[in-house]
Amino acid sequence: MKWGIFVYTTSKTEERTRWIRDTWGKNVENLFFFTDKSYPEDNFIKVTDDTDYESNMVKNLDALKYAYENDFDWIFLVGDDVYIFINNLLAYIEPRDPNTSEGVYGEIIHGTWPVDRSLSYLCGGGGILFSKHSLKKFMGVMKDPASYRDYIYADVVIGLLMKEAQLKMVNLELLIKGNPPEYYNIKKPEQYISFHFIKTEKQFKELWSKDKPLSRYKR
C-alpha cells in the first residue's frame, strides 16, 4: 500500500513544517509539502511563487495531481496547521481497498458557501482523504489548477469537482476534527485522526506527547 500525506503550506509559515517534521511527520517517508519554495531533498515541491491565501487553491489541486500521477493508493490532504495521529490514519485505511473505495472522506459542511448554499463539501481544515479510485474519478473532471484561483476556497472547489465527478462524501467528523481538541473538550486526542488550528510549537508538542511515533515505513 502506497500512502502519502500532502501538506499545502507557504514560506510565510515555514516554521510549522519544522514542527510537523519534529512531531507527527517523523518517519513518514511519503510526507510532501506543496509550497512556493523548492527543497527537493526534504520533499518540498514548488508549485507557485504565490504566498497569498488564494494560492492554497493551486497547492491543493497540484498535490492531488501529483498523487494521481505517482500512483498513490491513499492521499491525505491537509494544511500546515493540522496534527495527524498517523497510526490512527493507517488503522482506518489499511482494511479498505483503495481500488474500490468510491468515497472521499472528511468532515462534511452544509450551506456555508454564499454563492450556492445548496453545496455540501468536505472541510479542508481537518483534512480530506482520497482513495486511488476516487482520485481517478476526480482527475477526470479537473482542469488546470490555476484556472480555479478566483474561487478562493480550495475545499469548495474540491466539493464542486466532486459533485461533477459524482463522488460521494463519507462523513468522518467523529475522527477528523475541524478544530483543536480543547474546542470539543476532548481529553484523549490520541483516539482521533486529526485536528485543525494547531498553529504553535506548544500545541504540536503537547499532542506529540500523547502520540506513538510511527515505527515502520508503509509503501
N, C-alpha and C. Protein backbone atom coordinates (compact mmCIF):
# COMPACT_ATOMS: atom_id res chain seq x y z
N MET A 1 0.84 -1.20 0.00
CA MET A 1 0.00 0.00 0.00
C MET A 1 0.88 1.25 0.00
N LYS A 2 0.64 2.11 -0.95
CA LYS A 2 1.40 3.36 -1.05
C LYS A 2 0.51 4.51 -0.60
N TRP A 3 0.82 5.08 0.54
CA TRP A 3 0.02 6.17 1.08
C TRP A 3 0.92 7.40 1.27
N GLY A 4 0.29 8.56 1.30
CA GLY A 4 1.07 9.78 1.46
C GLY A 4 0.28 10.87 2.16
N ILE A 5 1.03 11.74 2.84
CA ILE A 5 0.45 12.94 3.45
C ILE A 5 0.92 14.13 2.63
N PHE A 6 -0.03 14.94 2.16
CA PHE A 6 0.27 16.06 1.28
C PHE A 6 -0.15 17.35 1.99
N VAL A 7 0.84 18.17 2.34
CA VAL A 7 0.62 19.38 3.13
C VAL A 7 0.74 20.61 2.24
N TYR A 8 -0.31 21.42 2.19
CA TYR A 8 -0.18 22.70 1.47
C TYR A 8 0.25 23.76 2.48
N THR A 9 1.26 24.54 2.09
CA THR A 9 1.87 25.46 3.03
C THR A 9 2.46 26.66 2.28
N THR A 10 3.14 27.52 2.98
CA THR A 10 3.75 28.71 2.40
C THR A 10 5.02 29.05 3.16
N SER A 11 5.92 29.75 2.51
CA SER A 11 7.15 30.17 3.20
C SER A 11 6.85 31.12 4.34
N LYS A 12 5.69 31.73 4.36
CA LYS A 12 5.30 32.63 5.45
C LYS A 12 5.15 31.87 6.77
N THR A 13 4.83 30.60 6.71
CA THR A 13 4.62 29.80 7.93
C THR A 13 5.53 28.56 7.91
N GLU A 14 6.74 28.75 7.39
CA GLU A 14 7.65 27.62 7.22
C GLU A 14 8.02 26.96 8.55
N GLU A 15 7.94 27.70 9.64
CA GLU A 15 8.28 27.09 10.94
C GLU A 15 7.34 25.94 11.26
N ARG A 16 6.12 26.00 10.77
CA ARG A 16 5.18 24.89 11.04
C ARG A 16 5.64 23.59 10.39
N THR A 17 6.28 23.70 9.24
CA THR A 17 6.76 22.48 8.59
C THR A 17 7.85 21.82 9.43
N ARG A 18 8.64 22.62 10.13
CA ARG A 18 9.66 22.05 11.03
C ARG A 18 8.99 21.36 12.20
N TRP A 19 7.94 21.97 12.74
CA TRP A 19 7.24 21.36 13.87
C TRP A 19 6.59 20.05 13.44
N ILE A 20 6.06 20.02 12.23
CA ILE A 20 5.48 18.78 11.71
C ILE A 20 6.54 17.70 11.60
N ARG A 21 7.68 18.04 11.03
CA ARG A 21 8.74 17.05 10.84
C ARG A 21 9.35 16.60 12.17
N ASP A 22 9.22 17.42 13.21
CA ASP A 22 9.74 17.05 14.53
C ASP A 22 8.72 16.28 15.36
N THR A 23 7.47 16.22 14.89
CA THR A 23 6.42 15.54 15.67
C THR A 23 5.78 14.45 14.81
N TRP A 24 4.55 14.67 14.37
CA TRP A 24 3.83 13.58 13.69
C TRP A 24 4.45 13.18 12.37
N GLY A 25 5.28 14.05 11.78
CA GLY A 25 5.89 13.73 10.49
C GLY A 25 7.14 12.88 10.57
N LYS A 26 7.61 12.57 11.78
CA LYS A 26 8.79 11.73 11.93
C LYS A 26 8.53 10.34 11.34
N ASN A 27 9.50 9.87 10.57
CA ASN A 27 9.44 8.53 9.97
C ASN A 27 8.34 8.37 8.93
N VAL A 28 7.71 9.47 8.54
CA VAL A 28 6.71 9.38 7.47
C VAL A 28 7.45 9.65 6.16
N GLU A 29 7.72 8.60 5.45
CA GLU A 29 8.55 8.69 4.25
C GLU A 29 7.85 9.50 3.15
N ASN A 30 6.57 9.28 2.98
CA ASN A 30 5.82 9.95 1.92
C ASN A 30 5.08 11.17 2.47
N LEU A 31 5.86 12.08 3.03
CA LEU A 31 5.35 13.36 3.51
C LEU A 31 5.84 14.45 2.56
N PHE A 32 4.91 15.14 1.90
CA PHE A 32 5.25 16.13 0.90
C PHE A 32 4.64 17.48 1.25
N PHE A 33 5.39 18.54 0.93
CA PHE A 33 4.93 19.90 1.17
C PHE A 33 4.80 20.62 -0.18
N PHE A 34 3.61 21.14 -0.45
CA PHE A 34 3.36 21.87 -1.69
C PHE A 34 3.33 23.35 -1.36
N THR A 35 4.28 24.09 -1.93
CA THR A 35 4.55 25.43 -1.42
C THR A 35 5.14 26.34 -2.51
N ASP A 36 5.73 27.45 -2.09
CA ASP A 36 6.32 28.41 -3.01
C ASP A 36 7.84 28.38 -2.97
N LYS A 37 8.41 27.40 -2.28
CA LYS A 37 9.85 27.19 -2.23
C LYS A 37 10.17 25.74 -2.61
N SER A 38 11.36 25.53 -3.13
CA SER A 38 11.75 24.19 -3.55
C SER A 38 12.93 23.68 -2.73
N TYR A 39 12.70 22.61 -1.97
CA TYR A 39 13.76 21.89 -1.26
C TYR A 39 13.55 20.40 -1.56
N PRO A 40 14.00 19.93 -2.72
CA PRO A 40 13.71 18.56 -3.14
C PRO A 40 14.17 17.50 -2.14
N GLU A 41 15.29 17.77 -1.47
CA GLU A 41 15.81 16.77 -0.53
C GLU A 41 14.87 16.56 0.65
N ASP A 42 13.99 17.51 0.92
CA ASP A 42 13.04 17.40 2.03
C ASP A 42 11.60 17.28 1.54
N ASN A 43 11.43 16.96 0.26
CA ASN A 43 10.09 16.79 -0.33
C ASN A 43 9.26 18.07 -0.32
N PHE A 44 9.93 19.23 -0.46
CA PHE A 44 9.23 20.49 -0.64
C PHE A 44 9.10 20.72 -2.15
N ILE A 45 7.88 20.73 -2.64
CA ILE A 45 7.62 20.84 -4.06
C ILE A 45 7.04 22.22 -4.37
N LYS A 46 7.76 22.98 -5.17
CA LYS A 46 7.30 24.32 -5.53
C LYS A 46 6.27 24.23 -6.65
N VAL A 47 5.09 24.78 -6.40
CA VAL A 47 4.05 24.76 -7.43
C VAL A 47 3.61 26.17 -7.82
N THR A 48 4.10 27.18 -7.10
CA THR A 48 3.72 28.57 -7.37
C THR A 48 4.70 29.50 -6.68
N ASP A 49 4.75 30.75 -7.14
CA ASP A 49 5.51 31.79 -6.44
C ASP A 49 4.62 32.55 -5.46
N ASP A 50 3.36 32.26 -5.49
CA ASP A 50 2.34 33.00 -4.74
C ASP A 50 2.34 32.56 -3.27
N THR A 51 2.33 33.54 -2.37
CA THR A 51 2.26 33.23 -0.93
C THR A 51 0.93 33.66 -0.32
N ASP A 52 0.03 34.18 -1.13
CA ASP A 52 -1.27 34.62 -0.61
C ASP A 52 -2.17 33.43 -0.27
N TYR A 53 -3.21 33.71 0.53
CA TYR A 53 -4.14 32.65 0.93
C TYR A 53 -4.73 31.94 -0.28
N GLU A 54 -5.05 32.72 -1.33
CA GLU A 54 -5.68 32.13 -2.51
C GLU A 54 -4.80 31.10 -3.22
N SER A 55 -3.49 31.13 -2.93
CA SER A 55 -2.59 30.17 -3.57
C SER A 55 -2.84 28.75 -3.07
N ASN A 56 -3.56 28.62 -1.95
CA ASN A 56 -3.90 27.27 -1.47
C ASN A 56 -4.68 26.49 -2.51
N MET A 57 -5.42 27.21 -3.36
CA MET A 57 -6.18 26.55 -4.42
C MET A 57 -5.26 25.72 -5.31
N VAL A 58 -4.22 26.39 -5.83
CA VAL A 58 -3.28 25.71 -6.71
C VAL A 58 -2.54 24.61 -5.98
N LYS A 59 -2.14 24.89 -4.75
CA LYS A 59 -1.37 23.90 -3.97
C LYS A 59 -2.18 22.64 -3.71
N ASN A 60 -3.45 22.78 -3.36
CA ASN A 60 -4.32 21.62 -3.14
C ASN A 60 -4.45 20.79 -4.40
N LEU A 61 -4.80 21.45 -5.49
CA LEU A 61 -5.08 20.71 -6.72
C LEU A 61 -3.81 20.13 -7.34
N ASP A 62 -2.68 20.84 -7.21
CA ASP A 62 -1.42 20.28 -7.69
C ASP A 62 -1.00 19.07 -6.85
N ALA A 63 -1.30 19.10 -5.57
CA ALA A 63 -0.99 17.95 -4.71
C ALA A 63 -1.79 16.72 -5.16
N LEU A 64 -3.07 16.92 -5.47
CA LEU A 64 -3.90 15.82 -5.94
C LEU A 64 -3.40 15.30 -7.28
N LYS A 65 -2.99 16.21 -8.14
CA LYS A 65 -2.44 15.81 -9.45
C LYS A 65 -1.18 14.99 -9.26
N TYR A 66 -0.32 15.43 -8.34
CA TYR A 66 0.92 14.70 -8.06
C TYR A 66 0.63 13.28 -7.56
N ALA A 67 -0.33 13.18 -6.66
CA ALA A 67 -0.69 11.87 -6.12
C ALA A 67 -1.20 10.94 -7.21
N TYR A 68 -2.00 11.49 -8.10
CA TYR A 68 -2.54 10.69 -9.20
C TYR A 68 -1.43 10.23 -10.14
N GLU A 69 -0.56 11.14 -10.51
CA GLU A 69 0.50 10.82 -11.46
C GLU A 69 1.52 9.86 -10.87
N ASN A 70 1.63 9.83 -9.55
CA ASN A 70 2.60 8.94 -8.90
C ASN A 70 1.95 7.72 -8.27
N ASP A 71 0.71 7.46 -8.63
CA ASP A 71 0.05 6.19 -8.34
C ASP A 71 -0.06 5.87 -6.84
N PHE A 72 -0.49 6.85 -6.06
CA PHE A 72 -0.71 6.62 -4.64
C PHE A 72 -2.03 5.88 -4.43
N ASP A 73 -2.06 5.00 -3.45
CA ASP A 73 -3.29 4.30 -3.09
C ASP A 73 -4.19 5.18 -2.23
N TRP A 74 -3.57 5.92 -1.31
CA TRP A 74 -4.31 6.82 -0.43
C TRP A 74 -3.56 8.13 -0.30
N ILE A 75 -4.30 9.23 -0.28
CA ILE A 75 -3.69 10.54 -0.07
C ILE A 75 -4.52 11.29 0.96
N PHE A 76 -3.84 11.81 1.98
CA PHE A 76 -4.50 12.65 2.99
C PHE A 76 -3.98 14.06 2.78
N LEU A 77 -4.89 14.95 2.40
CA LEU A 77 -4.57 16.32 2.03
C LEU A 77 -4.87 17.24 3.22
N VAL A 78 -3.84 17.95 3.72
CA VAL A 78 -4.02 18.78 4.92
C VAL A 78 -3.25 20.09 4.77
N GLY A 79 -3.57 21.07 5.63
CA GLY A 79 -2.79 22.29 5.74
C GLY A 79 -1.66 22.11 6.74
N ASP A 80 -0.86 23.16 6.91
CA ASP A 80 0.28 23.07 7.83
C ASP A 80 -0.12 23.34 9.28
N ASP A 81 -1.42 23.56 9.52
CA ASP A 81 -1.90 23.79 10.89
C ASP A 81 -2.77 22.62 11.35
N VAL A 82 -2.32 21.42 11.00
CA VAL A 82 -3.05 20.19 11.34
C VAL A 82 -2.11 19.23 12.05
N TYR A 83 -2.61 18.58 13.09
CA TYR A 83 -1.88 17.49 13.73
C TYR A 83 -2.54 16.18 13.34
N ILE A 84 -1.73 15.21 12.88
CA ILE A 84 -2.25 13.91 12.46
C ILE A 84 -1.69 12.81 13.37
N PHE A 85 -2.57 11.99 13.89
CA PHE A 85 -2.15 10.78 14.58
C PHE A 85 -2.04 9.69 13.51
N ILE A 86 -0.81 9.51 13.03
CA ILE A 86 -0.57 8.69 11.85
C ILE A 86 -1.05 7.25 12.03
N ASN A 87 -0.81 6.69 13.19
CA ASN A 87 -1.22 5.30 13.41
C ASN A 87 -2.73 5.12 13.32
N ASN A 88 -3.48 6.14 13.74
CA ASN A 88 -4.94 6.07 13.63
C ASN A 88 -5.38 6.18 12.17
N LEU A 89 -4.69 7.02 11.41
CA LEU A 89 -4.98 7.12 9.99
C LEU A 89 -4.73 5.78 9.30
N LEU A 90 -3.60 5.16 9.60
CA LEU A 90 -3.27 3.87 8.99
C LEU A 90 -4.28 2.79 9.40
N ALA A 91 -4.68 2.82 10.65
CA ALA A 91 -5.67 1.84 11.12
C ALA A 91 -6.98 1.98 10.36
N TYR A 92 -7.29 3.19 9.93
CA TYR A 92 -8.54 3.41 9.19
C TYR A 92 -8.42 2.96 7.73
N ILE A 93 -7.29 3.24 7.08
CA ILE A 93 -7.21 2.95 5.65
C ILE A 93 -6.77 1.52 5.34
N GLU A 94 -6.02 0.88 6.24
CA GLU A 94 -5.47 -0.42 5.92
C GLU A 94 -6.52 -1.48 5.58
N PRO A 95 -7.69 -1.52 6.25
CA PRO A 95 -8.67 -2.56 5.90
C PRO A 95 -9.45 -2.25 4.61
N ARG A 96 -9.27 -1.08 4.03
CA ARG A 96 -10.08 -0.65 2.90
C ARG A 96 -9.30 -0.78 1.59
N ASP A 97 -10.00 -1.19 0.56
CA ASP A 97 -9.38 -1.38 -0.75
C ASP A 97 -9.38 -0.05 -1.51
N PRO A 98 -8.20 0.52 -1.78
CA PRO A 98 -8.16 1.82 -2.46
C PRO A 98 -8.67 1.77 -3.89
N ASN A 99 -8.72 0.58 -4.46
CA ASN A 99 -9.17 0.44 -5.85
C ASN A 99 -10.68 0.36 -5.99
N THR A 100 -11.37 0.18 -4.87
CA THR A 100 -12.84 0.08 -4.92
C THR A 100 -13.52 1.08 -3.99
N SER A 101 -12.75 1.74 -3.11
CA SER A 101 -13.34 2.71 -2.18
C SER A 101 -13.74 3.97 -2.96
N GLU A 102 -15.04 4.16 -3.15
CA GLU A 102 -15.54 5.21 -4.04
C GLU A 102 -15.65 6.57 -3.36
N GLY A 103 -15.70 6.60 -2.05
CA GLY A 103 -15.95 7.86 -1.37
C GLY A 103 -14.70 8.70 -1.17
N VAL A 104 -14.93 9.95 -0.77
CA VAL A 104 -13.89 10.84 -0.30
C VAL A 104 -14.25 11.18 1.13
N TYR A 105 -13.28 11.14 2.03
CA TYR A 105 -13.55 11.13 3.46
C TYR A 105 -13.15 12.45 4.12
N GLY A 106 -13.98 12.89 5.07
CA GLY A 106 -13.67 14.10 5.80
C GLY A 106 -14.87 14.57 6.61
N GLU A 107 -14.82 15.81 7.06
CA GLU A 107 -15.92 16.41 7.82
C GLU A 107 -16.81 17.20 6.85
N ILE A 108 -18.07 16.80 6.73
CA ILE A 108 -18.96 17.42 5.77
C ILE A 108 -19.52 18.74 6.30
N ILE A 109 -19.51 19.76 5.43
CA ILE A 109 -20.05 21.07 5.75
C ILE A 109 -21.24 21.34 4.82
N HIS A 110 -22.30 21.90 5.41
CA HIS A 110 -23.51 22.17 4.65
C HIS A 110 -23.83 23.66 4.66
N GLY A 111 -24.21 24.20 3.49
CA GLY A 111 -24.83 25.51 3.40
C GLY A 111 -24.02 26.71 3.82
N THR A 112 -22.70 26.67 3.64
CA THR A 112 -21.88 27.80 4.08
C THR A 112 -21.28 28.61 2.94
N TRP A 113 -21.34 28.10 1.71
CA TRP A 113 -20.77 28.83 0.58
C TRP A 113 -21.80 29.83 0.07
N PRO A 114 -21.53 31.13 0.17
CA PRO A 114 -22.53 32.14 -0.18
C PRO A 114 -23.02 32.07 -1.62
N VAL A 115 -22.17 31.61 -2.52
CA VAL A 115 -22.54 31.56 -3.94
C VAL A 115 -23.61 30.52 -4.20
N ASP A 116 -23.56 29.42 -3.45
CA ASP A 116 -24.52 28.33 -3.63
C ASP A 116 -24.70 27.62 -2.29
N ARG A 117 -25.73 28.00 -1.57
CA ARG A 117 -25.97 27.44 -0.23
C ARG A 117 -26.35 25.96 -0.27
N SER A 118 -26.69 25.46 -1.45
CA SER A 118 -27.07 24.05 -1.55
C SER A 118 -25.87 23.12 -1.63
N LEU A 119 -24.67 23.70 -1.82
CA LEU A 119 -23.48 22.88 -1.96
C LEU A 119 -23.00 22.35 -0.61
N SER A 120 -22.86 21.06 -0.51
CA SER A 120 -22.19 20.43 0.63
C SER A 120 -20.80 20.00 0.17
N TYR A 121 -19.82 20.14 1.06
CA TYR A 121 -18.46 19.79 0.68
C TYR A 121 -17.68 19.38 1.92
N LEU A 122 -16.49 18.84 1.71
CA LEU A 122 -15.66 18.40 2.82
C LEU A 122 -14.78 19.55 3.30
N CYS A 123 -14.77 19.76 4.59
CA CYS A 123 -13.96 20.82 5.19
C CYS A 123 -12.47 20.51 5.01
N GLY A 124 -11.76 21.46 4.42
CA GLY A 124 -10.33 21.25 4.24
C GLY A 124 -9.55 21.33 5.54
N GLY A 125 -10.16 21.87 6.58
CA GLY A 125 -9.48 22.09 7.84
C GLY A 125 -8.81 20.88 8.44
N GLY A 126 -9.61 19.86 8.76
CA GLY A 126 -9.05 18.67 9.40
C GLY A 126 -8.40 17.71 8.44
N GLY A 127 -8.63 17.91 7.13
CA GLY A 127 -8.02 17.05 6.11
C GLY A 127 -9.06 16.34 5.26
N ILE A 128 -8.68 16.03 4.04
CA ILE A 128 -9.53 15.33 3.09
C ILE A 128 -8.78 14.09 2.60
N LEU A 129 -9.43 12.94 2.69
CA LEU A 129 -8.80 11.66 2.37
C LEU A 129 -9.38 11.09 1.08
N PHE A 130 -8.50 10.88 0.10
CA PHE A 130 -8.87 10.29 -1.18
C PHE A 130 -8.30 8.88 -1.31
N SER A 131 -9.07 7.98 -1.90
CA SER A 131 -8.54 6.69 -2.33
C SER A 131 -8.08 6.80 -3.78
N LYS A 132 -7.35 5.81 -4.27
CA LYS A 132 -6.93 5.82 -5.66
C LYS A 132 -8.13 5.87 -6.60
N HIS A 133 -9.16 5.11 -6.27
CA HIS A 133 -10.36 5.05 -7.10
C HIS A 133 -11.05 6.41 -7.18
N SER A 134 -11.24 7.05 -6.05
CA SER A 134 -11.93 8.34 -6.04
C SER A 134 -11.07 9.42 -6.69
N LEU A 135 -9.75 9.34 -6.51
CA LEU A 135 -8.86 10.33 -7.11
C LEU A 135 -8.88 10.24 -8.63
N LYS A 136 -8.96 9.03 -9.16
CA LYS A 136 -9.02 8.85 -10.61
C LYS A 136 -10.27 9.51 -11.18
N LYS A 137 -11.40 9.34 -10.53
CA LYS A 137 -12.64 9.97 -10.99
C LYS A 137 -12.55 11.50 -10.87
N PHE A 138 -11.92 11.96 -9.79
CA PHE A 138 -11.75 13.39 -9.57
C PHE A 138 -10.91 14.02 -10.67
N MET A 139 -9.80 13.37 -11.02
CA MET A 139 -8.91 13.90 -12.03
C MET A 139 -9.56 13.90 -13.41
N GLY A 140 -10.56 13.07 -13.59
CA GLY A 140 -11.26 13.01 -14.86
C GLY A 140 -12.04 14.27 -15.18
N VAL A 141 -12.34 15.10 -14.16
CA VAL A 141 -13.09 16.34 -14.39
C VAL A 141 -12.28 17.58 -14.08
N MET A 142 -11.12 17.42 -13.44
CA MET A 142 -10.32 18.59 -13.05
C MET A 142 -9.58 19.20 -14.23
N LYS A 143 -9.61 20.53 -14.31
CA LYS A 143 -8.88 21.27 -15.34
C LYS A 143 -7.56 21.78 -14.73
N ASP A 144 -6.91 22.69 -15.41
CA ASP A 144 -5.66 23.25 -14.92
C ASP A 144 -5.87 23.89 -13.55
N PRO A 145 -5.06 23.52 -12.54
CA PRO A 145 -5.26 24.06 -11.19
C PRO A 145 -5.36 25.58 -11.12
N ALA A 146 -4.54 26.28 -11.90
CA ALA A 146 -4.53 27.74 -11.84
C ALA A 146 -5.85 28.36 -12.28
N SER A 147 -6.64 27.61 -13.05
CA SER A 147 -7.90 28.16 -13.58
C SER A 147 -8.96 28.32 -12.50
N TYR A 148 -8.74 27.76 -11.31
CA TYR A 148 -9.74 27.82 -10.24
C TYR A 148 -9.43 28.87 -9.18
N ARG A 149 -8.36 29.64 -9.35
CA ARG A 149 -7.88 30.51 -8.28
C ARG A 149 -8.94 31.49 -7.78
N ASP A 150 -9.78 32.00 -8.66
CA ASP A 150 -10.75 33.01 -8.27
C ASP A 150 -11.84 32.49 -7.33
N TYR A 151 -11.93 31.19 -7.17
CA TYR A 151 -12.91 30.63 -6.24
C TYR A 151 -12.49 30.86 -4.78
N ILE A 152 -11.23 31.13 -4.55
CA ILE A 152 -10.64 31.46 -3.24
C ILE A 152 -10.51 30.23 -2.33
N TYR A 153 -11.60 29.49 -2.13
CA TYR A 153 -11.59 28.40 -1.14
C TYR A 153 -11.34 27.06 -1.82
N ALA A 154 -10.22 26.43 -1.48
CA ALA A 154 -9.85 25.18 -2.12
C ALA A 154 -10.84 24.06 -1.82
N ASP A 155 -11.33 24.00 -0.57
CA ASP A 155 -12.25 22.90 -0.26
C ASP A 155 -13.58 23.04 -0.99
N VAL A 156 -13.98 24.28 -1.27
CA VAL A 156 -15.19 24.50 -2.06
C VAL A 156 -15.01 23.97 -3.48
N VAL A 157 -13.87 24.29 -4.08
CA VAL A 157 -13.59 23.81 -5.44
C VAL A 157 -13.52 22.29 -5.47
N ILE A 158 -12.87 21.70 -4.47
CA ILE A 158 -12.83 20.24 -4.39
C ILE A 158 -14.25 19.69 -4.31
N GLY A 159 -15.11 20.36 -3.54
CA GLY A 159 -16.51 19.94 -3.45
C GLY A 159 -17.23 20.06 -4.77
N LEU A 160 -17.00 21.13 -5.49
CA LEU A 160 -17.63 21.32 -6.81
C LEU A 160 -17.18 20.25 -7.79
N LEU A 161 -15.89 19.94 -7.78
CA LEU A 161 -15.37 18.92 -8.69
C LEU A 161 -15.85 17.53 -8.29
N MET A 162 -15.97 17.29 -6.99
CA MET A 162 -16.52 16.02 -6.54
C MET A 162 -17.97 15.85 -7.01
N LYS A 163 -18.72 16.93 -6.93
CA LYS A 163 -20.10 16.89 -7.39
C LYS A 163 -20.17 16.57 -8.87
N GLU A 164 -19.29 17.21 -9.64
CA GLU A 164 -19.26 16.97 -11.08
C GLU A 164 -18.86 15.53 -11.39
N ALA A 165 -17.94 14.99 -10.60
CA ALA A 165 -17.47 13.61 -10.81
C ALA A 165 -18.39 12.58 -10.19
N GLN A 166 -19.45 13.04 -9.52
CA GLN A 166 -20.42 12.17 -8.84
C GLN A 166 -19.75 11.31 -7.78
N LEU A 167 -18.86 11.94 -7.03
CA LEU A 167 -18.21 11.26 -5.92
C LEU A 167 -18.99 11.50 -4.64
N LYS A 168 -19.17 10.47 -3.86
CA LYS A 168 -19.90 10.62 -2.61
C LYS A 168 -18.96 11.03 -1.48
N MET A 169 -19.50 11.76 -0.53
CA MET A 169 -18.76 12.16 0.65
C MET A 169 -19.02 11.17 1.78
N VAL A 170 -17.97 10.79 2.47
CA VAL A 170 -18.11 9.93 3.64
C VAL A 170 -17.77 10.77 4.86
N ASN A 171 -18.73 10.91 5.77
CA ASN A 171 -18.56 11.80 6.91
C ASN A 171 -17.69 11.16 7.99
N LEU A 172 -16.51 11.75 8.22
CA LEU A 172 -15.61 11.25 9.26
C LEU A 172 -15.43 12.28 10.37
N GLU A 173 -16.49 13.03 10.65
CA GLU A 173 -16.37 14.08 11.66
C GLU A 173 -16.11 13.52 13.06
N LEU A 174 -16.33 12.24 13.24
CA LEU A 174 -16.03 11.64 14.54
C LEU A 174 -14.53 11.36 14.71
N LEU A 175 -13.78 11.43 13.59
CA LEU A 175 -12.34 11.16 13.65
C LEU A 175 -11.50 12.31 13.12
N ILE A 176 -12.02 13.05 12.16
CA ILE A 176 -11.32 14.19 11.57
C ILE A 176 -12.00 15.46 12.06
N LYS A 177 -11.27 16.27 12.82
CA LYS A 177 -11.87 17.39 13.52
C LYS A 177 -11.38 18.73 12.95
N GLY A 178 -12.31 19.64 12.73
CA GLY A 178 -12.01 20.94 12.16
C GLY A 178 -11.54 21.98 13.15
N ASN A 179 -11.36 21.58 14.40
CA ASN A 179 -10.88 22.47 15.45
C ASN A 179 -9.93 21.70 16.37
N PRO A 180 -9.22 22.39 17.27
CA PRO A 180 -8.32 21.69 18.21
C PRO A 180 -9.09 20.93 19.28
N PRO A 181 -8.44 20.03 19.99
CA PRO A 181 -9.12 19.19 20.99
C PRO A 181 -9.89 19.99 22.04
N GLU A 182 -9.33 21.10 22.51
CA GLU A 182 -9.98 21.86 23.59
C GLU A 182 -11.32 22.45 23.15
N TYR A 183 -11.49 22.68 21.87
CA TYR A 183 -12.75 23.21 21.35
C TYR A 183 -13.90 22.24 21.66
N TYR A 184 -13.60 20.95 21.62
CA TYR A 184 -14.61 19.91 21.87
C TYR A 184 -14.54 19.36 23.29
N ASN A 185 -13.61 19.88 24.08
CA ASN A 185 -13.35 19.35 25.41
C ASN A 185 -12.92 17.89 25.34
N ILE A 186 -12.12 17.56 24.33
CA ILE A 186 -11.61 16.20 24.14
C ILE A 186 -10.41 15.98 25.06
N LYS A 187 -10.49 14.96 25.89
CA LYS A 187 -9.43 14.67 26.85
C LYS A 187 -8.41 13.66 26.31
N LYS A 188 -8.81 12.87 25.30
CA LYS A 188 -7.91 11.86 24.74
C LYS A 188 -7.81 12.04 23.23
N PRO A 189 -7.08 13.06 22.80
CA PRO A 189 -6.96 13.33 21.36
C PRO A 189 -6.30 12.20 20.59
N GLU A 190 -5.55 11.37 21.30
CA GLU A 190 -4.86 10.26 20.63
C GLU A 190 -5.82 9.21 20.07
N GLN A 191 -7.11 9.36 20.32
CA GLN A 191 -8.10 8.43 19.78
C GLN A 191 -8.66 8.91 18.43
N TYR A 192 -8.17 10.04 17.93
CA TYR A 192 -8.69 10.63 16.70
C TYR A 192 -7.64 10.60 15.60
N ILE A 193 -8.04 10.98 14.39
CA ILE A 193 -7.09 11.02 13.28
C ILE A 193 -6.40 12.37 13.18
N SER A 194 -7.17 13.46 13.23
CA SER A 194 -6.54 14.76 13.01
C SER A 194 -7.31 15.90 13.68
N PHE A 195 -6.58 16.99 13.92
CA PHE A 195 -7.15 18.21 14.49
C PHE A 195 -6.62 19.42 13.73
N HIS A 196 -7.50 20.37 13.49
CA HIS A 196 -7.17 21.59 12.78
C HIS A 196 -6.85 22.72 13.77
N PHE A 197 -6.31 23.82 13.26
CA PHE A 197 -5.93 25.01 14.03
C PHE A 197 -4.88 24.70 15.09
N ILE A 198 -3.91 23.86 14.71
CA ILE A 198 -2.74 23.61 15.55
C ILE A 198 -1.64 24.50 15.00
N LYS A 199 -1.45 25.67 15.61
CA LYS A 199 -0.64 26.72 15.00
C LYS A 199 0.62 27.09 15.77
N THR A 200 0.83 26.51 16.94
CA THR A 200 2.00 26.87 17.73
C THR A 200 2.85 25.63 18.01
N GLU A 201 4.12 25.88 18.27
CA GLU A 201 5.01 24.77 18.60
C GLU A 201 4.54 24.06 19.86
N LYS A 202 4.00 24.82 20.81
CA LYS A 202 3.50 24.22 22.05
C LYS A 202 2.37 23.25 21.76
N GLN A 203 1.44 23.63 20.88
CA GLN A 203 0.32 22.74 20.55
C GLN A 203 0.82 21.46 19.91
N PHE A 204 1.75 21.58 18.96
CA PHE A 204 2.30 20.39 18.31
C PHE A 204 2.97 19.46 19.32
N LYS A 205 3.76 20.05 20.22
CA LYS A 205 4.48 19.23 21.19
C LYS A 205 3.55 18.58 22.21
N GLU A 206 2.49 19.29 22.59
CA GLU A 206 1.54 18.71 23.55
C GLU A 206 0.85 17.49 22.96
N LEU A 207 0.46 17.57 21.70
CA LEU A 207 -0.18 16.42 21.06
C LEU A 207 0.83 15.31 20.80
N TRP A 208 2.05 15.69 20.46
CA TRP A 208 3.10 14.70 20.24
C TRP A 208 3.38 13.90 21.52
N SER A 209 3.24 14.54 22.66
CA SER A 209 3.49 13.85 23.93
C SER A 209 2.47 12.74 24.18
N LYS A 210 1.34 12.81 23.49
CA LYS A 210 0.30 11.78 23.64
C LYS A 210 0.32 10.77 22.51
N ASP A 211 1.22 10.97 21.57
CA ASP A 211 1.26 10.17 20.35
C ASP A 211 2.26 9.02 20.49
N LYS A 212 2.12 8.04 19.58
CA LYS A 212 3.10 6.96 19.47
C LYS A 212 3.77 7.10 18.11
N PRO A 213 5.09 7.35 18.09
CA PRO A 213 5.77 7.56 16.81
C PRO A 213 5.60 6.38 15.87
N LEU A 214 5.51 6.68 14.60
CA LEU A 214 5.42 5.63 13.60
C LEU A 214 6.71 4.83 13.61
N SER A 215 6.59 3.52 13.75
CA SER A 215 7.77 2.68 13.92
C SER A 215 8.15 1.92 12.65
N ARG A 216 7.36 2.13 11.57
CA ARG A 216 7.66 1.39 10.35
C ARG A 216 7.24 2.20 9.15
N TYR A 217 7.93 1.97 8.03
CA TYR A 217 7.54 2.63 6.80
C TYR A 217 6.49 1.77 6.10
N LYS A 218 5.53 2.44 5.49
CA LYS A 218 4.49 1.74 4.74
C LYS A 218 4.45 2.33 3.34
N ARG A 219 4.62 1.49 2.33
CA ARG A 219 4.65 1.97 0.95
C ARG A 219 3.37 1.53 0.22
